[in-house]
Amino acid sequence: MANHVYYNVNVDGDEAVMEEFSNCMKTEIVKRPLFKDKTYTVEELIDIDLLSFMPKGKYDSDGYLENSWDYYVNNVGAKWCYVEELDKESGFFAGYSAWSPPHNFGCNLAKHLEKFGKFTMRINYEDENKLFVGNTTWSDEDLEGDTNEIEDDEITQWLLDELEIEEIPEDFEWWEIHDKLDTTPDEFIEDKIYNWQEDC
């Protein structure tokens, strides 16, 4: 099973850019099962490969994307990717992908938005096991994006330095408040990650 990489994206730009962001992130109303014969409706983003700014895929007679693994790896940056939250008005969306962040998805969106004016777009991402965390910033002057990333050994080192120890003990309690931290080690790491991403 692939590691989930959780991400969130913020877009800020000229009025025309924000209007186009709202237009191109097309949604649909979908019925979902609730229990027994009950259903509920939800508005969600259409499949990423069907968005107007994404490269065109090839579809079979039933409308399914052919060679979907190759398409998503090459054009999205991960073998699958889901958008779970979308706020068109504020230029925000968030979700999760497999093994890596959806960098190529961001590049495709950046190249599209650049046609409408000045903008900046930022993705923050984090592997579910904290094997890596990072961010990428795009703008109308940098459509490939500027990426900062750190890996698990650097993340663990923050905690080792704070606790003044050389390695994490086998019986270490990650979710109990530690005297030297005034919080849990897990929350300490989360705060450090948040501050690192904000400072990049």
C-alpha atoms as a PDB file:
ATOM      1  CA  MET A   1       0.000   0.000   0.000  1.00  0.00           C
ATOM      2  CA  ALA A   2       1.305   3.434  -0.942  1.00  0.00           C
ATOM      3  CA  ASN A   3       2.157   6.019   1.658  1.00  0.00           C
ATOM      4  CA  HIS A   4      -0.279   8.905   1.648  1.00  0.00           C
ATOM      5  CA  VAL A   5       1.215  12.336   1.097  1.00  0.00           C
ATOM      6  CA  TYR A   6      -1.098  14.997   2.491  1.00  0.00           C
ATOM      7  CA  TYR A   7      -1.013  18.382   0.809  1.00  0.00           C
ATOM      8  CA  ASN A   8      -2.713  21.770   0.785  1.00  0.00           C
ATOM      9  CA  VAL A   9      -2.509  24.435  -1.895  1.00  0.00           C
ATOM     10  CA  ASN A  10      -3.135  28.181  -1.736  1.00  0.00           C
ATOM     11  CA  VAL A  11      -3.472  30.377  -4.816  1.00  0.00           C
ATOM     12  CA  ASP A  12      -3.352  34.171  -4.659  1.00  0.00           C
ATOM     13  CA  GLY A  13      -3.438  36.450  -7.676  1.00  0.00           C
ATOM     14  CA  ASP A  14      -5.063  39.101  -9.831  1.00  0.00           C
ATOM     15  CA  GLU A  15      -8.837  39.159  -9.998  1.00  0.00           C
ATOM     16  CA  ALA A  16      -8.796  37.490 -13.421  1.00  0.00           C
ATOM     17  CA  VAL A  17      -6.530  34.729 -12.095  1.00  0.00           C
ATOM     18  CA  MET A  18      -8.794  34.009  -9.142  1.00  0.00           C
ATOM     19  CA  GLU A  19     -11.862  34.005 -11.384  1.00  0.00           C
ATOM     20  CA  GLU A  20     -10.198  31.517 -13.707  1.00  0.00           C
ATOM     21  CA  PHE A  21      -9.115  29.346 -10.777  1.00  0.00           C
ATOM     22  CA  SER A  22     -12.765  29.155  -9.753  1.00  0.00           C
ATOM     23  CA  ASN A  23     -13.830  28.353 -13.314  1.00  0.00           C
ATOM     24  CA  CYS A  24     -11.203  25.736 -14.137  1.00  0.00           C
ATOM     25  CA  MET A  25     -11.519  23.764 -10.886  1.00  0.00           C
ATOM     26  CA  LYS A  26     -14.761  22.254 -12.125  1.00  0.00           C
ATOM     27  CA  THR A  27     -17.009  20.393  -9.701  1.00  0.00           C
ATOM     28  CA  GLU A  28     -19.972  18.079  -9.985  1.00  0.00           C
ATOM     29  CA  ILE A  29     -22.776  16.920  -7.698  1.00  0.00           C
ATOM     30  CA  VAL A  30     -22.314  13.256  -6.836  1.00  0.00           C
ATOM     31  CA  LYS A  31     -24.589  10.817  -5.008  1.00  0.00           C
ATOM     32  CA  ARG A  32     -22.898   8.722  -2.367  1.00  0.00           C
ATOM     33  CA  PRO A  33     -24.288   5.744  -0.407  1.00  0.00           C
ATOM     34  CA  LEU A  34     -25.066   6.396   3.251  1.00  0.00           C
ATOM     35  CA  PHE A  35     -26.646   3.206   4.605  1.00  0.00           C
ATOM     36  CA  LYS A  36     -29.168   0.675   3.286  1.00  0.00           C
ATOM     37  CA  ASP A  37     -31.070   2.486   0.520  1.00  0.00           C
ATOM     38  CA  LYS A  38     -30.163   5.975   1.712  1.00  0.00           C
ATOM     39  CA  THR A  39     -27.828   8.284  -0.197  1.00  0.00           C
ATOM     40  CA  TYR A  40     -26.466  11.789   0.196  1.00  0.00           C
ATOM     41  CA  THR A  41     -25.213  14.314  -2.345  1.00  0.00           C
ATOM     42  CA  VAL A  42     -21.886  16.117  -2.262  1.00  0.00           C
ATOM     43  CA  GLU A  43     -20.163  18.622  -4.531  1.00  0.00           C
ATOM     44  CA  GLU A  44     -16.662  17.517  -5.436  1.00  0.00           C
ATOM     45  CA  LEU A  45     -13.941  18.175  -7.971  1.00  0.00           C
ATOM     46  CA  ILE A  46     -14.216  16.155 -11.177  1.00  0.00           C
ATOM     47  CA  ASP A  47     -11.411  13.674 -11.895  1.00  0.00           C
ATOM     48  CA  ILE A  48      -8.116  15.540 -12.213  1.00  0.00           C
ATOM     49  CA  ASP A  49      -7.441  14.139 -15.693  1.00  0.00           C
ATOM     50  CA  LEU A  50     -10.708  15.727 -16.912  1.00  0.00           C
ATOM     51  CA  LEU A  51      -9.854  19.264 -15.800  1.00  0.00           C
ATOM     52  CA  SER A  52      -9.540  21.585 -18.813  1.00  0.00           C
ATOM     53  CA  PHE A  53      -5.935  22.637 -18.128  1.00  0.00           C
ATOM     54  CA  MET A  54      -4.619  19.083 -17.811  1.00  0.00           C
ATOM     55  CA  PRO A  55      -3.078  17.216 -20.776  1.00  0.00           C
ATOM     56  CA  LYS A  56      -5.647  15.189 -22.663  1.00  0.00           C
ATOM     57  CA  GLY A  57      -5.748  11.504 -21.839  1.00  0.00           C
ATOM     58  CA  LYS A  58      -6.951   8.597 -23.953  1.00  0.00           C
ATOM     59  CA  TYR A  59     -10.218   6.940 -22.916  1.00  0.00           C
ATOM     60  CA  ASP A  60     -11.754   3.572 -23.730  1.00  0.00           C
ATOM     61  CA  SER A  61     -15.293   3.010 -25.004  1.00  0.00           C
ATOM     62  CA  ASP A  62     -16.639   3.031 -21.434  1.00  0.00           C
ATOM     63  CA  GLY A  63     -15.021   6.395 -20.709  1.00  0.00           C
ATOM     64  CA  TYR A  64     -12.220   5.073 -18.483  1.00  0.00           C
ATOM     65  CA  LEU A  65      -8.768   6.615 -18.705  1.00  0.00           C
ATOM     66  CA  GLU A  66      -6.341   4.235 -20.412  1.00  0.00           C
ATOM     67  CA  ASN A  67      -2.863   3.750 -18.929  1.00  0.00           C
ATOM     68  CA  SER A  68      -3.983   5.747 -15.911  1.00  0.00           C
ATOM     69  CA  TRP A  69      -0.812   4.924 -13.925  1.00  0.00           C
ATOM     70  CA  ASP A  70       1.420   6.467 -16.611  1.00  0.00           C
ATOM     71  CA  TYR A  71      -0.902   9.420 -17.091  1.00  0.00           C
ATOM     72  CA  TYR A  72      -0.995  10.304 -13.394  1.00  0.00           C
ATOM     73  CA  VAL A  73       2.730   9.769 -12.786  1.00  0.00           C
ATOM     74  CA  ASN A  74       3.656  11.929 -15.786  1.00  0.00           C
ATOM     75  CA  ASN A  75       1.015  14.658 -15.543  1.00  0.00           C
ATOM     76  CA  VAL A  76       0.053  14.774 -11.865  1.00  0.00           C
ATOM     77  CA  GLY A  77       3.254  13.581 -10.209  1.00  0.00           C
ATOM     78  CA  ALA A  78       1.771  10.637  -8.296  1.00  0.00           C
ATOM     79  CA  LYS A  79       0.144   7.364  -9.366  1.00  0.00           C
ATOM     80  CA  TRP A  80      -3.132   8.633  -7.878  1.00  0.00           C
ATOM     81  CA  CYS A  81      -4.275  11.865  -6.322  1.00  0.00           C
ATOM     82  CA  TYR A  82      -7.468  13.036  -4.625  1.00  0.00           C
ATOM     83  CA  VAL A  83      -8.759  16.518  -3.824  1.00  0.00           C
ATOM     84  CA  GLU A  84     -10.905  16.308  -0.691  1.00  0.00           C
ATOM     85  CA  GLU A  85     -11.379  20.003   0.073  1.00  0.00           C
ATOM     86  CA  LEU A  86     -11.914  22.864  -2.354  1.00  0.00           C
ATOM     87  CA  ASP A  87     -12.704  26.518  -1.703  1.00  0.00           C
ATOM     88  CA  LYS A  88     -12.889  28.278  -5.052  1.00  0.00           C
ATOM     89  CA  GLU A  89     -13.433  31.723  -3.533  1.00  0.00           C
ATOM     90  CA  SER A  90     -10.275  31.687  -1.422  1.00  0.00           C
ATOM     91  CA  GLY A  91      -8.123  29.740  -3.902  1.00  0.00           C
ATOM     92  CA  PHE A  92      -7.603  26.734  -1.643  1.00  0.00           C
ATOM     93  CA  PHE A  93      -7.642  22.995  -2.141  1.00  0.00           C
ATOM     94  CA  ALA A  94      -6.269  20.027  -0.215  1.00  0.00           C
ATOM     95  CA  GLY A  95      -6.107  16.266  -0.404  1.00  0.00           C
ATOM     96  CA  TYR A  96      -3.700  13.361  -0.581  1.00  0.00           C
ATOM     97  CA  SER A  97      -1.670  11.492  -3.173  1.00  0.00           C
ATOM     98  CA  ALA A  98       0.442   8.341  -3.411  1.00  0.00           C
ATOM     99  CA  TRP A  99       4.138   8.361  -2.440  1.00  0.00           C
ATOM    100  CA  SER A 100       4.847  11.899  -3.664  1.00  0.00           C
ATOM    101  CA  PRO A 101       3.162  15.314  -3.843  1.00  0.00           C
ATOM    102  CA  PRO A 102       1.235  16.287  -7.009  1.00  0.00           C
ATOM    103  CA  HIS A 103       4.024  18.531  -8.300  1.00  0.00           C
ATOM    104  CA  ASN A 104       3.203  18.121 -12.002  1.00  0.00           C
ATOM    105  CA  PHE A 105      -0.446  18.924 -11.283  1.00  0.00           C
ATOM    106  CA  GLY A 106       0.770  22.202  -9.769  1.00  0.00           C
ATOM    107  CA  CYS A 107       2.944  22.926 -12.819  1.00  0.00           C
ATOM    108  CA  ASN A 108       0.013  22.377 -15.175  1.00  0.00           C
ATOM    109  CA  LEU A 109      -2.219  24.656 -13.112  1.00  0.00           C
ATOM    110  CA  ALA A 110       0.522  27.314 -12.883  1.00  0.00           C
ATOM    111  CA  LYS A 111       1.053  27.312 -16.662  1.00  0.00           C
ATOM    112  CA  HIS A 112      -2.673  27.797 -17.133  1.00  0.00           C
ATOM    113  CA  LEU A 113      -3.113  30.586 -14.571  1.00  0.00           C
ATOM    114  CA  GLU A 114      -0.137  32.505 -15.968  1.00  0.00           C
ATOM    115  CA  LYS A 115      -2.246  33.319 -19.039  1.00  0.00           C
ATOM    116  CA  PHE A 116      -4.610  35.374 -16.858  1.00  0.00           C
ATOM    117  CA  GLY A 117      -2.253  37.560 -14.833  1.00  0.00           C
ATOM    118  CA  LYS A 118       0.085  37.665 -11.876  1.00  0.00           C
ATOM    119  CA  PHE A 119      -0.178  35.020  -9.164  1.00  0.00           C
ATOM    120  CA  THR A 120       1.619  32.980  -6.545  1.00  0.00           C
ATOM    121  CA  MET A 121       0.704  29.410  -5.660  1.00  0.00           C
ATOM    122  CA  ARG A 122       2.087  27.372  -2.795  1.00  0.00           C
ATOM    123  CA  ILE A 123       1.784  23.708  -1.853  1.00  0.00           C
ATOM    124  CA  ASN A 124       2.762  22.378   1.571  1.00  0.00           C
ATOM    125  CA  TYR A 125       3.034  18.603   1.781  1.00  0.00           C
ATOM    126  CA  GLU A 126       3.884  15.912   4.311  1.00  0.00           C
ATOM    127  CA  ASP A 127       4.391  12.167   4.028  1.00  0.00           C
ATOM    128  CA  GLU A 128       2.117  10.342   6.484  1.00  0.00           C
ATOM    129  CA  ASN A 129       5.140   8.723   8.168  1.00  0.00           C
ATOM    130  CA  LYS A 130       7.151  11.942   7.999  1.00  0.00           C
ATOM    131  CA  LEU A 131       9.681  10.386   5.642  1.00  0.00           C
ATOM    132  CA  PHE A 132       9.785  13.838   4.054  1.00  0.00           C
ATOM    133  CA  VAL A 133       8.000  17.182   4.231  1.00  0.00           C
ATOM    134  CA  GLY A 134       8.272  20.132   1.923  1.00  0.00           C
ATOM    135  CA  ASN A 135       6.733  22.892  -0.100  1.00  0.00           C
ATOM    136  CA  THR A 136       6.822  24.291  -3.601  1.00  0.00           C
ATOM    137  CA  THR A 137       6.042  27.850  -4.672  1.00  0.00           C
ATOM    138  CA  TRP A 138       5.033  28.753  -8.215  1.00  0.00           C
ATOM    139  CA  SER A 139       4.397  32.184  -9.679  1.00  0.00           C
ATOM    140  CA  ASP A 140       3.760  33.807 -13.033  1.00  0.00           C
ATOM    141  CA  GLU A 141       7.558  34.231 -13.193  1.00  0.00           C
ATOM    142  CA  ASP A 142       8.403  30.659 -12.114  1.00  0.00           C
ATOM    143  CA  LEU A 143       6.117  28.056 -13.673  1.00  0.00           C
ATOM    144  CA  GLU A 144       8.299  25.074 -12.723  1.00  0.00           C
ATOM    145  CA  GLY A 145       8.236  25.939  -9.013  1.00  0.00           C
ATOM    146  CA  ASP A 146      10.835  26.384  -6.281  1.00  0.00           C
ATOM    147  CA  THR A 147      10.902  23.376  -3.923  1.00  0.00           C
ATOM    148  CA  ASN A 148      12.228  23.015  -0.378  1.00  0.00           C
ATOM    149  CA  GLU A 149      12.251  19.563   1.209  1.00  0.00           C
ATOM    150  CA  ILE A 150      13.670  17.850   4.281  1.00  0.00           C
ATOM    151  CA  GLU A 151      13.794  14.147   5.110  1.00  0.00           C
ATOM    152  CA  ASP A 152      13.083  12.070   8.185  1.00  0.00           C
ATOM    153  CA  ASP A 153      16.604  12.121   9.628  1.00  0.00           C
ATOM    154  CA  GLU A 154      16.601  15.928   9.686  1.00  0.00           C
ATOM    155  CA  ILE A 155      13.129  15.942  11.257  1.00  0.00           C
ATOM    156  CA  THR A 156      14.185  13.464  13.950  1.00  0.00           C
ATOM    157  CA  GLN A 157      17.289  15.565  14.632  1.00  0.00           C
ATOM    158  CA  TRP A 158      15.089  18.470  15.769  1.00  0.00           C
ATOM    159  CA  LEU A 159      13.773  16.255  18.555  1.00  0.00           C
ATOM    160  CA  LEU A 160      17.158  14.766  19.435  1.00  0.00           C
ATOM    161  CA  ASP A 161      18.666  18.237  19.755  1.00  0.00           C
ATOM    162  CA  GLU A 162      15.787  19.481  21.898  1.00  0.00           C
ATOM    163  CA  LEU A 163      15.982  16.476  24.244  1.00  0.00           C
ATOM    164  CA  GLU A 164      19.792  16.433  24.159  1.00  0.00           C
ATOM    165  CA  ILE A 165      19.955  12.737  23.319  1.00  0.00           C
ATOM    166  CA  GLU A 166      21.723  10.820  20.544  1.00  0.00           C
ATOM    167  CA  GLU A 167      18.972   8.406  19.510  1.00  0.00           C
ATOM    168  CA  ILE A 168      15.299   7.687  20.123  1.00  0.00           C
ATOM    169  CA  PRO A 169      14.855   4.869  22.709  1.00  0.00           C
ATOM    170  CA  GLU A 170      12.831   1.813  21.691  1.00  0.00           C
ATOM    171  CA  ASP A 171      10.263   2.449  24.425  1.00  0.00           C
ATOM    172  CA  PHE A 172       9.911   6.151  23.586  1.00  0.00           C
ATOM    173  CA  GLU A 173       6.433   7.608  24.228  1.00  0.00           C
ATOM    174  CA  TRP A 174       5.505   9.784  21.251  1.00  0.00           C
ATOM    175  CA  TRP A 175       1.993  10.675  22.434  1.00  0.00           C
ATOM    176  CA  GLU A 176       2.614  11.468  26.094  1.00  0.00           C
ATOM    177  CA  ILE A 177       3.662  14.891  27.363  1.00  0.00           C
ATOM    178  CA  HIS A 178       7.427  15.065  27.811  1.00  0.00           C
ATOM    179  CA  ASP A 179       8.879  17.153  30.664  1.00  0.00           C
ATOM    180  CA  LYS A 180      11.497  18.819  28.465  1.00  0.00           C
ATOM    181  CA  LEU A 181       8.986  19.702  25.760  1.00  0.00           C
ATOM    182  CA  ASP A 182       5.846  20.742  27.690  1.00  0.00           C
ATOM    183  CA  THR A 183       3.969  18.887  24.958  1.00  0.00           C
ATOM    184  CA  THR A 184       4.042  15.477  23.316  1.00  0.00           C
ATOM    185  CA  PRO A 185       6.988  14.657  21.016  1.00  0.00           C
ATOM    186  CA  ASP A 186       4.527  14.137  18.160  1.00  0.00           C
ATOM    187  CA  GLU A 187       3.057  17.624  18.641  1.00  0.00           C
ATOM    188  CA  PHE A 188       6.550  19.078  18.999  1.00  0.00           C
ATOM    189  CA  ILE A 189       7.484  17.630  15.591  1.00  0.00           C
ATOM    190  CA  GLU A 190       4.225  18.867  14.022  1.00  0.00           C
ATOM    191  CA  ASP A 191       4.890  22.404  15.309  1.00  0.00           C
ATOM    192  CA  LYS A 192       8.463  22.310  14.026  1.00  0.00           C
ATOM    193  CA  ILE A 193       7.266  21.153  10.602  1.00  0.00           C
ATOM    194  CA  TYR A 194       4.639  23.908  10.464  1.00  0.00           C
ATOM    195  CA  ASN A 195       7.181  26.594  11.425  1.00  0.00           C
ATOM    196  CA  TRP A 196       9.751  25.254   8.966  1.00  0.00           C
ATOM    197  CA  GLN A 197       7.238  25.344   6.114  1.00  0.00           C
ATOM    198  CA  GLU A 198       6.141  28.866   7.051  1.00  0.00           C
ATOM    199  CA  ASP A 199       9.745  30.107   7.117  1.00  0.00           C
ATOM    200  CA  CYS A 200      10.745  28.635   3.739  1.00  0.00           C
END
